């Protein structure tokens, strides 16, 4: 899995070693490579991206419950501003994609969900900030 946004001098990827459910929608997760309190504190506030098929069954159910909660969030690009609203996160074998209903009414925009493009996620404002190459926006 990957921590986003990445934190300077901290692990960017890790292996999930253990998951302990807390309730129907949350769990405590232990990550390989996060071995001390300083590393754990530095990664607080990061989101964890992982392919559903790589998660144990319980974690898949938690991820499915939360993935529907991001549709309708606004997607903003660092250069172009408002791109539109998120229709869904599409899981593909190669990589996941943000499927965005464009504000200008054109066909949906597909943005690879990779560390290099994801700037931040603001859950309070239901906002996803990205910084994608200009050429991707003209497809």
C-alpha atoms as a PDB file:
ATOM      1  CA  UNK A   1       0.000   0.000   0.000  1.00  0.00           C
ATOM      2  CA  UNK A   2       1.043   3.627  -0.360  1.00  0.00           C
ATOM      3  CA  UNK A   3       0.915   6.567   2.042  1.00  0.00           C
ATOM      4  CA  UNK A   4      -0.407   9.773   0.423  1.00  0.00           C
ATOM      5  CA  UNK A   5       0.535  12.498   0.361  1.00  0.00           C
ATOM      6  CA  UNK A   6       4.105  11.244   0.730  1.00  0.00           C
ATOM      7  CA  UNK A   7       6.078  12.493   3.751  1.00  0.00           C
ATOM      8  CA  UNK A   8       9.713  13.514   3.226  1.00  0.00           C
ATOM      9  CA  UNK A   9      12.192  10.958   4.620  1.00  0.00           C
ATOM     10  CA  UNK A  10       9.421   8.553   5.662  1.00  0.00           C
ATOM     11  CA  UNK A  11       8.308   5.286   4.073  1.00  0.00           C
ATOM     12  CA  UNK A  12       6.089   5.821   1.037  1.00  0.00           C
ATOM     13  CA  UNK A  13       4.985   2.206   0.815  1.00  0.00           C
ATOM     14  CA  UNK A  14       4.475  -0.529   3.387  1.00  0.00           C
ATOM     15  CA  UNK A  15       3.006  -3.978   3.862  1.00  0.00           C
ATOM     16  CA  UNK A  16      -0.061  -4.420   6.045  1.00  0.00           C
ATOM     17  CA  UNK A  17       0.979  -6.871   8.765  1.00  0.00           C
ATOM     18  CA  UNK A  18      -2.147  -6.980  10.908  1.00  0.00           C
ATOM     19  CA  UNK A  19      -5.685  -5.591  10.977  1.00  0.00           C
ATOM     20  CA  UNK A  20      -7.850  -5.477  14.111  1.00  0.00           C
ATOM     21  CA  UNK A  21     -11.468  -4.365  13.584  1.00  0.00           C
ATOM     22  CA  UNK A  22     -12.802  -1.644  15.879  1.00  0.00           C
ATOM     23  CA  UNK A  23     -16.370  -1.490  14.539  1.00  0.00           C
ATOM     24  CA  UNK A  24     -18.202  -1.954  11.214  1.00  0.00           C
ATOM     25  CA  UNK A  25     -16.286   0.816   9.450  1.00  0.00           C
ATOM     26  CA  UNK A  26     -12.873   1.118  11.121  1.00  0.00           C
ATOM     27  CA  UNK A  27      -9.868  -0.901  12.197  1.00  0.00           C
ATOM     28  CA  UNK A  28      -6.415  -0.533  13.736  1.00  0.00           C
ATOM     29  CA  UNK A  29      -3.742  -1.458  11.189  1.00  0.00           C
ATOM     30  CA  UNK A  30      -0.077  -2.388  11.723  1.00  0.00           C
ATOM     31  CA  UNK A  31       2.327  -1.611   8.853  1.00  0.00           C
ATOM     32  CA  UNK A  32       5.685  -3.282   8.183  1.00  0.00           C
ATOM     33  CA  UNK A  33       8.409  -0.633   8.160  1.00  0.00           C
ATOM     34  CA  UNK A  34       6.608   1.642  10.619  1.00  0.00           C
ATOM     35  CA  UNK A  35       8.617   0.455  13.596  1.00  0.00           C
ATOM     36  CA  UNK A  36       8.800   3.432  15.929  1.00  0.00           C
ATOM     37  CA  UNK A  37       6.579   6.163  17.344  1.00  0.00           C
ATOM     38  CA  UNK A  38       8.363   8.976  15.436  1.00  0.00           C
ATOM     39  CA  UNK A  39       7.656   7.328  12.087  1.00  0.00           C
ATOM     40  CA  UNK A  40       4.047   6.632  13.074  1.00  0.00           C
ATOM     41  CA  UNK A  41       3.513  10.248  14.177  1.00  0.00           C
ATOM     42  CA  UNK A  42       5.061  11.583  10.953  1.00  0.00           C
ATOM     43  CA  UNK A  43       2.587   9.513   8.921  1.00  0.00           C
ATOM     44  CA  UNK A  44      -0.462  10.655  10.919  1.00  0.00           C
ATOM     45  CA  UNK A  45      -2.937  12.358   8.613  1.00  0.00           C
ATOM     46  CA  UNK A  46      -1.813  10.422   5.536  1.00  0.00           C
ATOM     47  CA  UNK A  47      -4.283   8.365   3.576  1.00  0.00           C
ATOM     48  CA  UNK A  48      -3.551   4.748   2.733  1.00  0.00           C
ATOM     49  CA  UNK A  49      -4.119   3.553  -0.831  1.00  0.00           C
ATOM     50  CA  UNK A  50      -4.320  -0.157  -1.505  1.00  0.00           C
ATOM     51  CA  UNK A  51      -5.977  -2.351  -4.127  1.00  0.00           C
ATOM     52  CA  UNK A  52      -9.067  -4.010  -2.657  1.00  0.00           C
ATOM     53  CA  UNK A  53      -8.109  -7.431  -3.981  1.00  0.00           C
ATOM     54  CA  UNK A  54      -4.917  -7.283  -1.920  1.00  0.00           C
ATOM     55  CA  UNK A  55      -6.803  -6.796   1.343  1.00  0.00           C
ATOM     56  CA  UNK A  56      -8.212  -9.452   3.644  1.00  0.00           C
ATOM     57  CA  UNK A  57     -11.995  -9.908   3.416  1.00  0.00           C
ATOM     58  CA  UNK A  58     -12.821  -7.639   6.391  1.00  0.00           C
ATOM     59  CA  UNK A  59     -10.661  -4.813   5.069  1.00  0.00           C
ATOM     60  CA  UNK A  60     -12.270  -5.189   1.632  1.00  0.00           C
ATOM     61  CA  UNK A  61     -15.684  -4.646   3.210  1.00  0.00           C
ATOM     62  CA  UNK A  62     -14.417  -1.521   5.029  1.00  0.00           C
ATOM     63  CA  UNK A  63     -12.843  -0.151   1.831  1.00  0.00           C
ATOM     64  CA  UNK A  64     -16.034  -0.784  -0.160  1.00  0.00           C
ATOM     65  CA  UNK A  65     -18.107   1.050   2.442  1.00  0.00           C
ATOM     66  CA  UNK A  66     -15.832   4.104   2.263  1.00  0.00           C
ATOM     67  CA  UNK A  67     -15.263   4.210  -1.508  1.00  0.00           C
ATOM     68  CA  UNK A  68     -18.879   5.141  -2.157  1.00  0.00           C
ATOM     69  CA  UNK A  69     -18.470   8.065   0.243  1.00  0.00           C
ATOM     70  CA  UNK A  70     -16.127  10.008  -2.050  1.00  0.00           C
ATOM     71  CA  UNK A  71     -18.354  10.227  -5.110  1.00  0.00           C
ATOM     72  CA  UNK A  72     -19.491  13.801  -5.564  1.00  0.00           C
ATOM     73  CA  UNK A  73     -16.318  15.261  -4.073  1.00  0.00           C
ATOM     74  CA  UNK A  74     -14.780  18.144  -6.029  1.00  0.00           C
ATOM     75  CA  UNK A  75     -11.508  17.514  -7.852  1.00  0.00           C
ATOM     76  CA  UNK A  76      -9.179  20.512  -8.222  1.00  0.00           C
ATOM     77  CA  UNK A  77      -5.975  20.709 -10.236  1.00  0.00           C
ATOM     78  CA  UNK A  78      -3.048  22.885  -9.124  1.00  0.00           C
ATOM     79  CA  UNK A  79      -2.914  24.648 -12.514  1.00  0.00           C
ATOM     80  CA  UNK A  80      -6.384  24.301 -14.063  1.00  0.00           C
ATOM     81  CA  UNK A  81      -8.526  24.783 -10.941  1.00  0.00           C
ATOM     82  CA  UNK A  82     -11.853  22.963 -10.650  1.00  0.00           C
ATOM     83  CA  UNK A  83     -11.884  19.901 -12.901  1.00  0.00           C
ATOM     84  CA  UNK A  84     -15.284  18.596 -11.811  1.00  0.00           C
ATOM     85  CA  UNK A  85     -16.804  16.126  -9.365  1.00  0.00           C
ATOM     86  CA  UNK A  86     -15.657  12.583  -8.679  1.00  0.00           C
ATOM     87  CA  UNK A  87     -17.985   9.968 -10.136  1.00  0.00           C
ATOM     88  CA  UNK A  88     -16.081   6.986  -8.717  1.00  0.00           C
ATOM     89  CA  UNK A  89     -12.704   5.406  -8.109  1.00  0.00           C
ATOM     90  CA  UNK A  90     -12.241   2.723 -10.751  1.00  0.00           C
ATOM     91  CA  UNK A  91     -10.008  -0.182  -9.751  1.00  0.00           C
ATOM     92  CA  UNK A  92      -8.013  -1.604 -12.651  1.00  0.00           C
ATOM     93  CA  UNK A  93      -5.305  -4.282 -12.682  1.00  0.00           C
ATOM     94  CA  UNK A  94      -2.609  -1.733 -13.590  1.00  0.00           C
ATOM     95  CA  UNK A  95      -3.702   1.160 -11.377  1.00  0.00           C
ATOM     96  CA  UNK A  96      -6.770   2.818  -9.958  1.00  0.00           C
ATOM     97  CA  UNK A  97      -8.318   5.801 -11.725  1.00  0.00           C
ATOM     98  CA  UNK A  98     -10.292   8.800 -10.540  1.00  0.00           C
ATOM     99  CA  UNK A  99     -13.286   9.113 -12.892  1.00  0.00           C
ATOM    100  CA  UNK A 100     -14.221  12.800 -12.893  1.00  0.00           C
ATOM    101  CA  UNK A 101     -17.411  14.338 -14.294  1.00  0.00           C
ATOM    102  CA  UNK A 102     -15.908  17.424 -15.910  1.00  0.00           C
ATOM    103  CA  UNK A 103     -17.212  20.836 -14.907  1.00  0.00           C
ATOM    104  CA  UNK A 104     -17.133  21.902 -18.586  1.00  0.00           C
ATOM    105  CA  UNK A 105     -19.476  19.072 -19.633  1.00  0.00           C
ATOM    106  CA  UNK A 106     -16.947  17.145 -21.756  1.00  0.00           C
ATOM    107  CA  UNK A 107     -16.614  13.364 -21.477  1.00  0.00           C
ATOM    108  CA  UNK A 108     -15.407  12.077 -18.085  1.00  0.00           C
ATOM    109  CA  UNK A 109     -11.765  12.630 -17.239  1.00  0.00           C
ATOM    110  CA  UNK A 110      -9.661   9.648 -16.137  1.00  0.00           C
ATOM    111  CA  UNK A 111      -6.847  10.535 -13.744  1.00  0.00           C
ATOM    112  CA  UNK A 112      -4.370   7.834 -12.672  1.00  0.00           C
ATOM    113  CA  UNK A 113      -4.409   7.562  -8.886  1.00  0.00           C
ATOM    114  CA  UNK A 114      -0.641   7.760  -8.354  1.00  0.00           C
ATOM    115  CA  UNK A 115       1.511   9.560  -5.780  1.00  0.00           C
ATOM    116  CA  UNK A 116       2.921  11.882  -8.441  1.00  0.00           C
ATOM    117  CA  UNK A 117      -0.530  13.328  -9.258  1.00  0.00           C
ATOM    118  CA  UNK A 118      -2.239  13.314  -5.853  1.00  0.00           C
ATOM    119  CA  UNK A 119      -1.521  16.473  -3.843  1.00  0.00           C
ATOM    120  CA  UNK A 120      -3.989  16.132  -0.989  1.00  0.00           C
ATOM    121  CA  UNK A 121      -7.380  15.079   0.279  1.00  0.00           C
ATOM    122  CA  UNK A 122      -9.551  17.367   2.429  1.00  0.00           C
ATOM    123  CA  UNK A 123     -12.278  15.236   3.991  1.00  0.00           C
ATOM    124  CA  UNK A 124     -14.002  18.180   5.700  1.00  0.00           C
ATOM    125  CA  UNK A 125     -14.433  20.080   2.444  1.00  0.00           C
ATOM    126  CA  UNK A 126     -14.901  16.877   0.378  1.00  0.00           C
ATOM    127  CA  UNK A 127     -12.089  17.971  -1.921  1.00  0.00           C
ATOM    128  CA  UNK A 128      -9.341  16.104  -3.787  1.00  0.00           C
ATOM    129  CA  UNK A 129      -6.350  18.163  -4.940  1.00  0.00           C
ATOM    130  CA  UNK A 130      -4.317  16.867  -7.874  1.00  0.00           C
ATOM    131  CA  UNK A 131      -1.483  18.168 -10.043  1.00  0.00           C
ATOM    132  CA  UNK A 132      -1.686  16.419 -13.406  1.00  0.00           C
ATOM    133  CA  UNK A 133       0.244  17.127 -16.608  1.00  0.00           C
ATOM    134  CA  UNK A 134      -1.598  19.601 -18.834  1.00  0.00           C
ATOM    135  CA  UNK A 135      -1.626  17.085 -21.690  1.00  0.00           C
ATOM    136  CA  UNK A 136      -3.696  14.671 -19.641  1.00  0.00           C
ATOM    137  CA  UNK A 137      -6.444  17.286 -19.284  1.00  0.00           C
ATOM    138  CA  UNK A 138      -6.745  17.686 -23.059  1.00  0.00           C
ATOM    139  CA  UNK A 139      -7.473  13.974 -23.690  1.00  0.00           C
END
